[in-house]
Amino acid sequence: MTKKKGALTEKKPKVHPDLDGFDMRIDSFGQIVSSLDRDKINAFLDKEMPDDKKLSPKDDESK
């Protein structure tokens, strides 16, 4: 069997509607290039991600 060259299509991943048009790539210098502003991404993450870093009370293990 032979493989077809040039027939590859790049599929876009499913994203949250608030992040529509978001694209992230690494340029030839190794820098991350994003299509959205970093502040907008951080605001989205603050809104959507739960804050699990809160300290929960631990049971006394020395019993």
Protein backbone atom coordinates (compact mmCIF):
# COMPACT_ATOMS: atom_id res chain seq x y z
CA MET A 1 0.00 0.00 0.00
CA THR A 2 1.14 3.48 -0.72
CA LYS A 3 0.49 6.49 1.44
CA LYS A 4 -1.03 9.59 -0.05
CA LYS A 5 1.25 12.58 0.32
CA GLY A 6 -0.23 15.97 1.00
CA ALA A 7 -3.61 14.52 1.96
CA LEU A 8 -3.14 15.21 5.67
CA THR A 9 -5.64 17.64 7.11
CA GLU A 10 -5.04 19.37 10.41
CA LYS A 11 -8.00 18.95 12.73
CA LYS A 12 -8.78 21.70 15.20
CA PRO A 13 -9.32 20.54 18.79
CA LYS A 14 -12.56 21.19 20.64
CA VAL A 15 -12.23 24.20 22.92
CA HIS A 16 -14.45 26.03 25.39
CA PRO A 17 -16.59 28.68 23.63
CA ASP A 18 -14.85 31.44 25.62
CA LEU A 19 -11.52 30.38 24.09
CA ASP A 20 -12.71 30.21 20.48
CA GLY A 21 -9.84 30.99 18.13
CA PHE A 22 -7.16 30.07 20.68
CA ASP A 23 -3.99 28.82 19.04
CA MET A 24 -0.59 28.18 20.61
CA ARG A 25 2.60 27.40 18.73
CA ILE A 26 6.35 27.35 19.33
CA ASP A 27 8.35 29.50 16.93
CA SER A 28 11.81 28.77 15.51
CA PHE A 29 13.48 30.44 18.52
CA GLY A 30 11.65 28.18 21.01
CA GLN A 31 9.31 30.94 22.21
CA ILE A 32 5.63 30.24 22.83
CA VAL A 33 3.38 32.25 20.52
CA SER A 34 -0.30 32.50 21.46
CA SER A 35 -3.26 33.97 19.61
CA LEU A 36 -4.87 35.15 22.87
CA ASP A 37 -3.56 37.61 25.43
CA ARG A 38 -2.04 36.00 28.53
CA ASP A 39 -4.30 38.06 30.81
CA LYS A 40 -7.42 36.76 29.05
CA ILE A 41 -6.24 33.16 29.45
CA ASN A 42 -5.46 33.70 33.15
CA ALA A 43 -8.87 35.31 33.74
CA PHE A 44 -10.55 32.30 32.10
CA LEU A 45 -8.57 29.85 34.22
CA ASP A 46 -9.32 31.77 37.41
CA LYS A 47 -13.02 31.65 36.59
CA GLU A 48 -13.26 28.01 35.44
CA MET A 49 -10.72 26.11 37.55
CA PRO A 50 -11.50 25.27 41.19
CA ASP A 51 -9.03 26.43 43.81
CA ASP A 52 -7.91 23.14 45.38
CA LYS A 53 -4.86 24.64 47.07
CA LYS A 54 -6.75 25.47 50.24
CA LEU A 55 -5.48 23.69 53.29
CA SER A 56 -7.91 21.18 54.67
CA PRO A 57 -7.86 20.32 58.38
CA LYS A 58 -5.96 17.10 59.01
CA ASP A 59 -7.01 14.50 61.52
CA ASP A 60 -4.71 14.00 64.47
CA GLU A 61 -2.61 10.98 63.43
CA SER A 62 -0.80 10.63 66.79
CA LYS A 63 -3.69 8.77 68.51
